[in-house]
C-alpha atoms as a PDB file:
ATOM      1  CA  MET A   1      -0.016  -0.343  -0.100  1.00  0.00           C
ATOM      2  CA  ILE A   2       1.228   3.570  -0.965  1.00  0.00           C
ATOM      3  CA  ASP A   3       0.610   6.232   1.980  1.00  0.00           C
ATOM      4  CA  LEU A   4      -0.388   9.434   0.186  1.00  0.00           C
ATOM      5  CA  ASN A   5       0.682  11.642   3.060  1.00  0.00           C
ATOM      6  CA  GLU A   6       4.163  12.842   1.956  1.00  0.00           C
ATOM      7  CA  ASN A   7       3.633  13.063  -2.010  1.00  0.00           C
ATOM      8  CA  ALA A   8       0.289  14.328  -2.712  1.00  0.00           C
ATOM      9  CA  THR A   9      -1.528  17.568  -3.186  1.00  0.00           C
ATOM     10  CA  PHE A  10      -5.195  17.816  -2.568  1.00  0.00           C
ATOM     11  CA  ALA A  11      -7.720  19.879  -4.688  1.00  0.00           C
ATOM     12  CA  ILE A  12     -11.129  20.843  -2.858  1.00  0.00           C
ATOM     13  CA  THR A  13     -13.306  23.680  -3.542  1.00  0.00           C
ATOM     14  CA  ALA A  14     -14.638  26.137  -1.029  1.00  0.00           C
ATOM     15  CA  ASP A  15     -17.408  28.875  -1.091  1.00  0.00           C
ATOM     16  CA  SER A  16     -19.356  30.915   1.563  1.00  0.00           C
ATOM     17  CA  GLY A  17     -22.282  29.326   3.932  1.00  0.00           C
ATOM     18  CA  GLU A  18     -22.654  25.738   4.413  1.00  0.00           C
ATOM     19  CA  LEU A  19     -19.599  25.116   1.622  1.00  0.00           C
ATOM     20  CA  GLU A  20     -17.553  26.906   4.091  1.00  0.00           C
ATOM     21  CA  ARG A  21     -18.478  24.913   7.010  1.00  0.00           C
ATOM     22  CA  GLN A  22     -17.744  21.682   5.029  1.00  0.00           C
ATOM     23  CA  ALA A  23     -14.619  22.805   3.388  1.00  0.00           C
ATOM     24  CA  VAL A  24     -12.868  23.902   6.693  1.00  0.00           C
ATOM     25  CA  LEU A  25     -13.829  20.398   8.301  1.00  0.00           C
ATOM     26  CA  LEU A  26     -12.124  18.519   5.100  1.00  0.00           C
ATOM     27  CA  VAL A  27      -9.175  20.579   5.609  1.00  0.00           C
ATOM     28  CA  ARG A  28      -8.752  20.159   8.628  1.00  0.00           C
ATOM     29  CA  SER A  29      -9.274  16.173   8.389  1.00  0.00           C
ATOM     30  CA  ILE A  30      -6.570  16.506   5.508  1.00  0.00           C
ATOM     31  CA  LYS A  31      -3.956  17.895   7.733  1.00  0.00           C
ATOM     32  CA  ARG A  32      -4.883  15.378  10.874  1.00  0.00           C
ATOM     33  CA  TYR A  33      -4.125  12.499   8.711  1.00  0.00           C
ATOM     34  CA  ALA A  34      -1.952  13.848   5.634  1.00  0.00           C
ATOM     35  CA  PRO A  35       0.032  16.369   7.442  1.00  0.00           C
ATOM     36  CA  ASP A  36       2.688  16.840   5.053  1.00  0.00           C
ATOM     37  CA  ALA A  37       0.570  16.914   2.374  1.00  0.00           C
ATOM     38  CA  ASN A  38      -0.259  20.071   0.159  1.00  0.00           C
ATOM     39  CA  VAL A  39      -3.979  21.359  -0.264  1.00  0.00           C
ATOM     40  CA  VAL A  40      -5.117  23.710  -3.083  1.00  0.00           C
ATOM     41  CA  VAL A  41      -8.603  25.241  -2.037  1.00  0.00           C
ATOM     42  CA  PHE A  42     -10.281  26.548  -5.250  1.00  0.00           C
ATOM     43  CA  ILE A  43     -13.155  29.553  -4.332  1.00  0.00           C
ATOM     44  CA  PRO A  44     -15.024  31.179  -6.717  1.00  0.00           C
ATOM     45  CA  ARG A  45     -13.615  34.823  -7.695  1.00  0.00           C
ATOM     46  CA  ALA A  46     -17.537  36.169  -7.225  1.00  0.00           C
ATOM     47  CA  SER A  47     -17.170  34.871  -3.500  1.00  0.00           C
ATOM     48  CA  ARG A  48     -14.436  37.366  -2.589  1.00  0.00           C
ATOM     49  CA  GLY A  49     -15.455  39.187   0.478  1.00  0.00           C
ATOM     50  CA  GLU A  50     -17.941  36.600   1.657  1.00  0.00           C
ATOM     51  CA  VAL A  51     -15.370  34.068   2.692  1.00  0.00           C
ATOM     52  CA  SER A  52     -14.667  34.318   6.470  1.00  0.00           C
ATOM     53  CA  GLY A  53     -11.029  35.309   7.616  1.00  0.00           C
ATOM     54  CA  ASP A  54     -11.212  32.480   9.780  1.00  0.00           C
ATOM     55  CA  ALA A  55     -11.830  29.895   6.667  1.00  0.00           C
ATOM     56  CA  LEU A  56      -9.193  31.503   4.671  1.00  0.00           C
ATOM     57  CA  ALA A  57      -6.589  31.128   7.457  1.00  0.00           C
ATOM     58  CA  THR A  58      -7.183  27.599   7.672  1.00  0.00           C
ATOM     59  CA  TYR A  59      -7.075  26.927   4.076  1.00  0.00           C
ATOM     60  CA  ARG A  60      -3.642  28.939   3.818  1.00  0.00           C
ATOM     61  CA  SER A  61      -2.339  26.823   6.826  1.00  0.00           C
ATOM     62  CA  ALA A  62      -2.605  23.823   4.690  1.00  0.00           C
ATOM     63  CA  GLY A  63      -1.527  25.346   1.315  1.00  0.00           C
ATOM     64  CA  SER A  64      -2.953  27.778  -0.740  1.00  0.00           C
ATOM     65  CA  VAL A  65      -6.094  29.451  -2.145  1.00  0.00           C
ATOM     66  CA  VAL A  66      -7.009  30.174  -5.522  1.00  0.00           C
ATOM     67  CA  TRP A  67      -9.426  32.316  -6.708  1.00  0.00           C
ATOM     68  CA  GLY A  68     -11.210  31.707 -10.241  1.00  0.00           C
ATOM     69  CA  GLU A  69     -14.154  31.424 -12.294  1.00  0.00           C
ATOM     70  CA  ILE A  70     -16.185  28.185 -12.060  1.00  0.00           C
ATOM     71  CA  PRO A  71     -15.173  26.637 -15.496  1.00  0.00           C
ATOM     72  CA  ILE A  72     -19.116  25.842 -16.327  1.00  0.00           C
ATOM     73  CA  SER A  73     -21.000  28.751 -14.648  1.00  0.00           C
ATOM     74  CA  GLU A  74     -24.201  27.131 -14.777  1.00  0.00           C
ATOM     75  CA  TYR A  75     -22.838  23.674 -13.775  1.00  0.00           C
ATOM     76  CA  PRO A  76     -21.061  24.456 -10.118  1.00  0.00           C
ATOM     77  CA  ILE A  77     -19.943  20.950  -9.917  1.00  0.00           C
ATOM     78  CA  SER A  78     -17.340  22.032 -12.135  1.00  0.00           C
ATOM     79  CA  ALA A  79     -15.437  23.949  -9.870  1.00  0.00           C
ATOM     80  CA  LEU A  80     -13.905  20.770  -8.326  1.00  0.00           C
ATOM     81  CA  LEU A  81     -12.498  20.354 -11.788  1.00  0.00           C
ATOM     82  CA  GLY A  82     -11.110  23.857 -11.599  1.00  0.00           C
ATOM     83  CA  ALA A  83      -9.693  22.965  -8.191  1.00  0.00           C
ATOM     84  CA  PHE A  84      -8.085  19.793  -9.964  1.00  0.00           C
ATOM     85  CA  VAL A  85      -6.617  21.835 -12.807  1.00  0.00           C
ATOM     86  CA  ALA A  86      -5.174  24.431 -10.581  1.00  0.00           C
ATOM     87  CA  ALA A  87      -3.457  21.647  -8.009  1.00  0.00           C
ATOM     88  CA  GLU A  88      -1.801  19.959 -11.108  1.00  0.00           C
ATOM     89  CA  GLU A  89      -0.432  23.668 -11.934  1.00  0.00           C
ATOM     90  CA  ARG A  90       0.911  24.370  -8.977  1.00  0.00           C
ATOM     91  CA  SER A  91       2.265  21.086  -7.342  1.00  0.00           C
ATOM     92  CA  GLU A  92       4.947  18.864  -8.115  1.00  0.00           C
ATOM     93  CA  THR A  93       3.593  15.738  -6.291  1.00  0.00           C
ATOM     94  CA  GLU A  94       3.511  12.358  -7.723  1.00  0.00           C
ATOM     95  CA  TYR A  95      -0.004  12.004  -6.697  1.00  0.00           C
ATOM     96  CA  LEU A  96      -3.002  14.681  -7.089  1.00  0.00           C
ATOM     97  CA  VAL A  97      -6.238  13.838  -5.302  1.00  0.00           C
ATOM     98  CA  ALA A  98      -9.376  15.731  -5.857  1.00  0.00           C
ATOM     99  CA  MET A  99     -12.253  15.314  -3.056  1.00  0.00           C
ATOM    100  CA  ASP A 100     -15.413  16.560  -2.999  1.00  0.00           C
ATOM    101  CA  THR A 101     -16.557  19.125  -0.246  1.00  0.00           C
ATOM    102  CA  ASP A 102     -18.867  16.783   1.400  1.00  0.00           C
ATOM    103  CA  THR A 103     -16.049  14.012   2.206  1.00  0.00           C
ATOM    104  CA  LEU A 104     -13.800  13.803   5.205  1.00  0.00           C
ATOM    105  CA  LEU A 105     -10.761  11.888   5.995  1.00  0.00           C
ATOM    106  CA  LEU A 106     -10.846   9.580   9.222  1.00  0.00           C
ATOM    107  CA  ASP A 107      -7.649   7.942   8.722  1.00  0.00           C
ATOM    108  CA  ARG A 108      -4.276   8.002   6.597  1.00  0.00           C
ATOM    109  CA  LEU A 109      -5.094   7.769   2.866  1.00  0.00           C
ATOM    110  CA  ARG A 110      -3.771   4.749   1.145  1.00  0.00           C
ATOM    111  CA  VAL A 111      -3.789   3.031  -2.062  1.00  0.00           C
ATOM    112  CA  GLN A 112      -2.872  -0.065  -4.067  1.00  0.00           C
ATOM    113  CA  GLN A 113       0.576  -0.257  -5.873  1.00  0.00           C
ATOM    114  CA  GLY A 114      -0.013  -0.176  -9.931  1.00  0.00           C
ATOM    115  CA  GLY A 115      -2.501   1.733 -12.118  1.00  0.00           C
ATOM    116  CA  ASP A 116      -2.395   5.472 -12.528  1.00  0.00           C
ATOM    117  CA  VAL A 117      -5.873   6.013 -11.511  1.00  0.00           C
ATOM    118  CA  TRP A 118      -7.736   5.275  -8.589  1.00  0.00           C
ATOM    119  CA  LEU A 119     -11.812   5.202  -8.321  1.00  0.00           C
ATOM    120  CA  ARG A 120     -14.463   3.837  -6.741  1.00  0.00           C
ATOM    121  CA  PRO A 121     -17.487   2.713  -8.724  1.00  0.00           C
ATOM    122  CA  VAL A 122     -20.693   4.682  -8.451  1.00  0.00           C
ATOM    123  CA  ASP A 123     -23.048   4.193  -5.613  1.00  0.00           C
ATOM    124  CA  VAL A 124     -26.386   2.494  -7.201  1.00  0.00           C
ATOM    125  CA  GLY A 125     -26.621   0.527 -10.633  1.00  0.00           C
ATOM    126  CA  ALA A 126     -30.116   1.088 -10.308  1.00  0.00           C
ATOM    127  CA  GLN A 127     -30.293   4.163 -12.440  1.00  0.00           C
ATOM    128  CA  TYR A 128     -30.454   4.896 -16.077  1.00  0.00           C
ATOM    129  CA  TRP A 129     -26.389   5.289 -16.707  1.00  0.00           C
ATOM    130  CA  GLY A 130     -25.900   1.892 -15.154  1.00  0.00           C
ATOM    131  CA  SER A 131     -28.742   0.108 -16.970  1.00  0.00           C
ATOM    132  CA  GLN A 132     -28.354  -1.718 -20.408  1.00  0.00           C
ATOM    133  CA  ASP A 133     -30.903   0.936 -21.682  1.00  0.00           C
ATOM    134  CA  SER A 134     -27.771   3.559 -21.380  1.00  0.00           C
ATOM    135  CA  MET A 135     -25.674   1.315 -23.910  1.00  0.00           C
ATOM    136  CA  GLY A 136     -26.164   3.457 -26.765  1.00  0.00           C
ATOM    137  CA  ASP A 137     -25.733   6.826 -25.496  1.00  0.00           C
ATOM    138  CA  TRP A 138     -22.512   5.578 -23.557  1.00  0.00           C
ATOM    139  CA  LYS A 139     -21.119   4.267 -27.188  1.00  0.00           C
ATOM    140  CA  GLN A 140     -22.058   7.671 -28.720  1.00  0.00           C
ATOM    141  CA  LEU A 141     -20.001   9.481 -25.654  1.00  0.00           C
ATOM    142  CA  TYR A 142     -16.928   7.179 -26.220  1.00  0.00           C
ATOM    143  CA  GLU A 143     -17.097   7.471 -29.807  1.00  0.00           C
ATOM    144  CA  ARG A 144     -17.159  11.288 -29.749  1.00  0.00           C
ATOM    145  CA  PHE A 145     -13.737  11.048 -28.074  1.00  0.00           C
ATOM    146  CA  GLY A 146     -12.061   8.262 -30.332  1.00  0.00           C
ATOM    147  CA  LEU A 147     -12.930   5.388 -28.071  1.00  0.00           C
ATOM    148  CA  SER A 148     -14.524   1.865 -28.022  1.00  0.00           C
ATOM    149  CA  ILE A 149     -16.924   1.468 -25.327  1.00  0.00           C
ATOM    150  CA  PRO A 150     -16.098  -0.930 -22.623  1.00  0.00           C
ATOM    151  CA  ASP A 151     -17.351  -4.715 -23.101  1.00  0.00           C
ATOM    152  CA  ARG A 152     -19.032  -6.674 -20.270  1.00  0.00           C
ATOM    153  CA  GLY A 153     -15.491  -8.038 -19.226  1.00  0.00           C
ATOM    154  CA  GLU A 154     -14.859  -4.448 -18.038  1.00  0.00           C
ATOM    155  CA  TYR A 155     -17.936  -3.773 -16.052  1.00  0.00           C
ATOM    156  CA  VAL A 156     -17.658  -3.105 -12.152  1.00  0.00           C
ATOM    157  CA  GLU A 157     -19.613  -3.568  -9.393  1.00  0.00           C
ATOM    158  CA  ALA A 158     -21.729  -0.575  -7.885  1.00  0.00           C
ATOM    159  CA  ALA A 159     -20.573   0.004  -4.353  1.00  0.00           C
ATOM    160  CA  ILE A 160     -23.827   0.163  -2.650  1.00  0.00           C
ATOM    161  CA  ASP A 161     -26.257  -2.368  -4.728  1.00  0.00           C
ATOM    162  CA  GLY A 162     -23.676  -4.596  -6.091  1.00  0.00           C
ATOM    163  CA  ARG A 163     -25.026  -4.395  -9.401  1.00  0.00           C
ATOM    164  CA  ALA A 164     -22.958  -4.743 -12.771  1.00  0.00           C
ATOM    165  CA  VAL A 165     -22.294  -1.371 -14.493  1.00  0.00           C
ATOM    166  CA  PRO A 166     -19.872  -0.020 -17.008  1.00  0.00           C
ATOM    167  CA  PRO A 167     -16.846   1.668 -15.733  1.00  0.00           C
ATOM    168  CA  TYR A 168     -19.055   4.476 -14.179  1.00  0.00           C
ATOM    169  CA  TRP A 169     -17.009   6.014 -11.544  1.00  0.00           C
ATOM    170  CA  ASN A 170     -17.988   7.904  -8.560  1.00  0.00           C
ATOM    171  CA  SER A 171     -15.920  11.508  -8.555  1.00  0.00           C
ATOM    172  CA  GLY A 172     -15.863  11.996  -5.085  1.00  0.00           C
ATOM    173  CA  VAL A 173     -12.301  10.733  -4.777  1.00  0.00           C
ATOM    174  CA  THR A 174     -10.330  10.883  -7.727  1.00  0.00           C
ATOM    175  CA  ILE A 175      -6.693   9.979  -7.494  1.00  0.00           C
ATOM    176  CA  THR A 176      -4.106   9.891 -10.054  1.00  0.00           C
ATOM    177  CA  THR A 177      -0.130  10.157 -11.238  1.00  0.00           C
ATOM    178  CA  ASP A 178      -1.645  11.157 -14.569  1.00  0.00           C
ATOM    179  CA  ARG A 179      -0.899  14.904 -14.569  1.00  0.00           C
ATOM    180  CA  SER A 180      -2.792  15.211 -18.113  1.00  0.00           C
ATOM    181  CA  LEU A 181      -6.171  13.712 -16.586  1.00  0.00           C
ATOM    182  CA  PRO A 182      -7.303  16.976 -14.657  1.00  0.00           C
ATOM    183  CA  GLU A 183      -7.305  19.124 -18.104  1.00  0.00           C
ATOM    184  CA  ARG A 184      -8.632  16.471 -20.227  1.00  0.00           C
ATOM    185  CA  TRP A 185     -11.482  15.412 -17.450  1.00  0.00           C
ATOM    186  CA  LEU A 186     -12.483  19.296 -17.472  1.00  0.00           C
ATOM    187  CA  ARG A 187     -12.317  19.567 -21.351  1.00  0.00           C
ATOM    188  CA  TYR A 188     -14.679  16.132 -21.788  1.00  0.00           C
ATOM    189  CA  THR A 189     -17.089  17.732 -19.175  1.00  0.00           C
ATOM    190  CA  LYS A 190     -17.443  21.131 -21.335  1.00  0.00           C
ATOM    191  CA  GLU A 191     -18.053  19.305 -24.341  1.00  0.00           C
ATOM    192  CA  MET A 192     -20.419  16.755 -22.932  1.00  0.00           C
ATOM    193  CA  TYR A 193     -22.177  19.950 -21.264  1.00  0.00           C
ATOM    194  CA  TYR A 194     -22.154  22.115 -24.300  1.00  0.00           C
ATOM    195  CA  ASP A 195     -22.684  19.861 -27.233  1.00  0.00           C
ATOM    196  CA  ASP A 196     -26.359  19.385 -27.847  1.00  0.00           C
ATOM    197  CA  GLU A 197     -25.489  16.592 -30.061  1.00  0.00           C
ATOM    198  CA  LEU A 198     -24.454  14.216 -27.166  1.00  0.00           C
ATOM    199  CA  PRO A 199     -26.985  12.371 -25.129  1.00  0.00           C
ATOM    200  CA  VAL A 200     -26.389  14.296 -21.932  1.00  0.00           C
ATOM    201  CA  SER A 201     -29.104  16.489 -20.731  1.00  0.00           C
ATOM    202  CA  ARG A 202     -27.541  19.932 -19.005  1.00  0.00           C
ATOM    203  CA  ASP A 203     -29.999  19.034 -15.983  1.00  0.00           C
ATOM    204  CA  GLU A 204     -28.165  15.909 -15.732  1.00  0.00           C
ATOM    205  CA  PHE A 205     -26.844  16.270 -12.098  1.00  0.00           C
ATOM    206  CA  PHE A 206     -23.589  13.728 -12.948  1.00  0.00           C
ATOM    207  CA  ILE A 207     -22.085  15.084 -16.025  1.00  0.00           C
ATOM    208  CA  ASP A 208     -18.877  15.136 -14.420  1.00  0.00           C
ATOM    209  CA  GLN A 209     -19.027  11.667 -13.501  1.00  0.00           C
ATOM    210  CA  LEU A 210     -20.064  10.687 -17.265  1.00  0.00           C
ATOM    211  CA  SER A 211     -16.810  12.599 -18.370  1.00  0.00           C
ATOM    212  CA  LEU A 212     -14.707  10.961 -15.918  1.00  0.00           C
ATOM    213  CA  SER A 213     -15.674   7.739 -17.208  1.00  0.00           C
ATOM    214  CA  VAL A 214     -14.613   8.250 -20.508  1.00  0.00           C
ATOM    215  CA  ALA A 215     -11.625  10.600 -19.792  1.00  0.00           C
ATOM    216  CA  THR A 216     -10.130   7.803 -17.772  1.00  0.00           C
ATOM    217  CA  ALA A 217     -10.863   4.760 -20.500  1.00  0.00           C
ATOM    218  CA  ARG A 218      -7.107   4.926 -21.698  1.00  0.00           C
ATOM    219  CA  ASN A 219      -6.018   5.230 -18.011  1.00  0.00           C
ATOM    220  CA  GLU A 220      -5.046   1.645 -15.933  1.00  0.00           C
ATOM    221  CA  VAL A 221      -7.697   2.503 -13.310  1.00  0.00           C
ATOM    222  CA  GLN A 222      -7.477   0.555  -9.941  1.00  0.00           C
ATOM    223  CA  GLU A 223     -10.453   0.144  -8.177  1.00  0.00           C
ATOM    224  CA  LEU A 224     -11.014   1.847  -4.732  1.00  0.00           C
ATOM    225  CA  ASP A 225     -12.936  -0.060  -2.212  1.00  0.00           C
ATOM    226  CA  GLU A 226     -15.852   1.836  -0.496  1.00  0.00           C
ATOM    227  CA  ARG A 227     -13.652   2.439   2.705  1.00  0.00           C
ATOM    228  CA  THR A 228     -11.890   4.876   0.689  1.00  0.00           C
ATOM    229  CA  ASN A 229     -14.978   6.727  -0.367  1.00  0.00           C
ATOM    230  CA  TYR A 230     -17.626   5.475   2.004  1.00  0.00           C
ATOM    231  CA  PRO A 231     -20.937   6.400   0.784  1.00  0.00           C
ATOM    232  CA  LEU A 232     -22.672   7.481   3.890  1.00  0.00           C
ATOM    233  CA  GLY A 233     -25.796   8.408   2.215  1.00  0.00           C
ATOM    234  CA  GLY A 234     -26.947   4.695   1.926  1.00  0.00           C
ATOM    235  CA  ARG A 235     -25.766   3.575   5.048  1.00  0.00           C
ATOM    236  CA  LEU A 236     -26.799   3.519   8.689  1.00  0.00           C
ATOM    237  CA  SER A 237     -23.226   3.777  10.402  1.00  0.00           C
ATOM    238  CA  VAL A 238     -19.675   3.612   9.273  1.00  0.00           C
ATOM    239  CA  PRO A 239     -17.133   1.066   9.967  1.00  0.00           C
ATOM    240  CA  SER A 240     -14.013   1.677  12.240  1.00  0.00           C
ATOM    241  CA  ASN A 241     -11.733   0.874   9.092  1.00  0.00           C
ATOM    242  CA  VAL A 242     -13.100   3.443   6.866  1.00  0.00           C
ATOM    243  CA  SER A 243     -10.450   6.175   5.792  1.00  0.00           C
ATOM    244  CA  VAL A 244     -12.939   8.490   3.870  1.00  0.00           C
ATOM    245  CA  ILE A 245     -16.619   9.045   4.301  1.00  0.00           C
ATOM    246  CA  HIS A 246     -18.708  10.830   1.607  1.00  0.00           C
ATOM    247  CA  TYR A 247     -21.561  12.199   3.552  1.00  0.00           C
ATOM    248  CA  GLY A 248     -23.662  14.158   1.254  1.00  0.00           C
ATOM    249  CA  ASP A 249     -25.763  16.038   3.867  1.00  0.00           C
ATOM    250  CA  ARG A 250     -23.714  17.133   7.202  1.00  0.00           C
ATOM    251  CA  ARG A 251     -26.909  15.794   9.017  1.00  0.00           C
ATOM    252  CA  ASN A 252     -26.044  12.326   8.113  1.00  0.00           C
ATOM    253  CA  LEU A 253     -22.545  12.602   9.996  1.00  0.00           C
ATOM    254  CA  ALA A 254     -24.811  11.879  13.199  1.00  0.00           C
ATOM    255  CA  ARG A 255     -24.371   8.034  11.768  1.00  0.00           C
ATOM    256  CA  VAL A 256     -20.843   8.107  12.724  1.00  0.00           C
ATOM    257  CA  PHE A 257     -20.707   6.428  15.881  1.00  0.00           C
ATOM    258  CA  SER A 258     -16.886   6.054  16.724  1.00  0.00           C
ATOM    259  CA  GLN A 259     -16.746   7.750  19.553  1.00  0.00           C
ATOM    260  CA  PRO A 260     -13.619   9.546  19.324  1.00  0.00           C
ATOM    261  CA  VAL A 261     -14.453  10.449  15.871  1.00  0.00           C
ATOM    262  CA  ARG A 262     -17.906  11.555  16.940  1.00  0.00           C
ATOM    263  CA  ARG A 263     -16.343  13.713  19.917  1.00  0.00           C
ATOM    264  CA  GLU A 264     -14.262  15.366  17.245  1.00  0.00           C
ATOM    265  CA  LEU A 265     -17.298  16.039  14.951  1.00  0.00           C
ATOM    266  CA  ARG A 266     -19.112  17.312  17.909  1.00  0.00           C
ATOM    267  CA  GLU A 267     -16.710  19.734  19.173  1.00  0.00           C
ATOM    268  CA  SER A 268     -15.987  21.056  15.793  1.00  0.00           C
ATOM    269  CA  GLY A 269     -19.654  21.995  14.932  1.00  0.00           C
ATOM    270  CA  ALA A 270     -19.897  19.241  12.459  1.00  0.00           C
ATOM    271  CA  ILE A 271     -22.863  17.463  13.753  1.00  0.00           C
ATOM    272  CA  PRO A 272     -25.780  19.709  13.930  1.00  0.00           C
ATOM    273  CA  ASP A 273     -28.951  19.220  16.107  1.00  0.00           C
ATOM    274  CA  ILE A 274     -30.660  16.066  14.781  1.00  0.00           C
ATOM    275  CA  THR A 275     -34.631  16.491  14.949  1.00  0.00           C
ATOM    276  CA  SER A 276     -37.307  13.503  14.685  1.00  0.00           C
ATOM    277  CA  GLY A 277     -37.565  14.403  10.907  1.00  0.00           C
ATOM    278  CA  ASP A 278     -34.014  14.209  10.206  1.00  0.00           C
ATOM    279  CA  MET A 279     -34.417  10.706  11.867  1.00  0.00           C
ATOM    280  CA  LEU A 280     -37.158   9.501   9.408  1.00  0.00           C
ATOM    281  CA  ARG A 281     -35.332  10.910   6.650  1.00  0.00           C
ATOM    282  CA  THR A 282     -32.296   8.855   7.412  1.00  0.00           C
ATOM    283  CA  LEU A 283     -34.748   5.758   7.128  1.00  0.00           C
ATOM    284  CA  LEU A 284     -36.295   7.061   4.035  1.00  0.00           C
ATOM    285  CA  ASP A 285     -32.686   7.255   2.586  1.00  0.00           C
ATOM    286  CA  VAL A 286     -31.347   3.710   3.920  1.00  0.00           C
ATOM    287  CA  CYS A 287     -34.704   2.073   2.775  1.00  0.00           C
ATOM    288  CA  SER A 288     -34.414   3.374  -0.811  1.00  0.00           C
ATOM    289  CA  THR A 289     -32.392   3.256  -4.044  1.00  0.00           C
ATOM    290  CA  LYS A 290     -29.443   4.885  -2.003  1.00  0.00           C
ATOM    291  CA  SER A 291     -29.137   1.397  -0.527  1.00  0.00           C
ATOM    292  CA  GLY A 292     -29.892  -0.230  -3.761  1.00  0.00           C
ATOM    293  CA  ARG A 293     -31.549  -3.358  -1.542  1.00  0.00           C
ATOM    294  CA  VAL A 294     -34.801  -2.423  -0.098  1.00  0.00           C
ATOM    295  CA  LEU A 295     -37.226  -0.123  -2.170  1.00  0.00           C
ATOM    296  CA  ASP A 296     -37.432   0.836  -5.937  1.00  0.00           C
ATOM    297  CA  TYR A 297     -38.149   4.372  -7.003  1.00  0.00           C
ATOM    298  CA  GLU A 298     -41.781   3.853  -7.199  1.00  0.00           C
ATOM    299  CA  GLN A 299     -42.088   2.314  -3.555  1.00  0.00           C
ATOM    300  CA  LYS A 300     -39.727   5.195  -2.390  1.00  0.00           C
ATOM    301  CA  ASN A 301     -41.931   7.846  -3.563  1.00  0.00           C
ATOM    302  CA  ARG A 302     -44.828   5.879  -1.906  1.00  0.00           C
ATOM    303  CA  LEU A 303     -43.323   5.950   1.362  1.00  0.00           C
ATOM    304  CA  ARG A 304     -41.878   9.856   0.954  1.00  0.00           C
ATOM    305  CA  GLY A 305     -45.803  10.668   0.137  1.00  0.00           C
ATOM    306  CA  LEU A 306     -46.731   9.048   3.683  1.00  0.00           C
ATOM    307  CA  VAL A 307     -43.563  10.920   5.360  1.00  0.00           C
ATOM    308  CA  SER A 308     -44.492  14.113   3.536  1.00  0.00           C
ATOM    309  CA  ALA A 309     -48.087  13.927   5.415  1.00  0.00           C
ATOM    310  CA  VAL A 310     -46.715  13.992   8.679  1.00  0.00           C
ATOM    311  CA  LEU A 311     -43.787  16.149   8.174  1.00  0.00           C
ATOM    312  CA  PRO A 312     -43.174  19.886   6.872  1.00  0.00           C
ATOM    313  CA  GLN A 313     -42.496  19.317   3.358  1.00  0.00           C
ATOM    314  CA  SER A 314     -39.104  21.468   3.845  1.00  0.00           C
ATOM    315  CA  VAL A 315     -37.861  18.300   5.576  1.00  0.00           C
ATOM    316  CA  VAL A 316     -39.054  15.944   2.939  1.00  0.00           C
ATOM    317  CA  ASP A 317     -37.514  17.623   0.192  1.00  0.00           C
ATOM    318  CA  ARG A 318     -33.813  17.805   2.019  1.00  0.00           C
END
């Protein structure tokens, strides 16, 4: 196993408000478990003046702050790709690590030897882009970039529901030694977003994951197991051997039961007050397609309707 503490640059994004709180928590976790690593924090230039001085001090103590334009202004998720490109331009470390703002390190980050990209498959295969119905669209995407669609022997297993899917990767933790990947990933994302001839809707939430799958087609990808990008949205608790949690909504951190970690999260204000509505919401999440095993979409919608009858709609919609 390779420990990424000493030879890695982490790329993350931040902003004001909730994203600031999440980014501060993430940077602190990186410095706790990878104290020698460099951190590049990308912040939209439009937010200058809205980010607190304390947050900026935290970011700069871990590395550097880059102010810039979101690469695809209509698609804010692309800020992470901007961070990844900035990290490649400003570092000489062997490993580049892009992490979603809603992730946290709980242990040292290690990867298996071999390969030049490390990724975890998507959470749930029970979705359009994991189904056989999407194969024509995947073929069109691969062909646009001069590639052949992977065959069945190259399929991977979705992290939560275990379904066999094309090499479709979760972008929450992306690790590479291929210094051309950040720019290629961003370029492919822009083309998929703006080219109306491609079968990708601009309303698609995970365009960056579609483009990542194609952008890494010629790489030697090593699969990360879920402990290195643990999808907390579909789980009730966090095992003790997890190194990175991908928590989504910060209220999900209440599912961290390890007392030392829980104490740190409480003291830092990471875990908000949990209401009975949040507990029902957790049940709805876990008994749904996020867990991939209990309810299909139709059944989930029925349960959501029952929950909405007794809870404020603002809670149900979260």
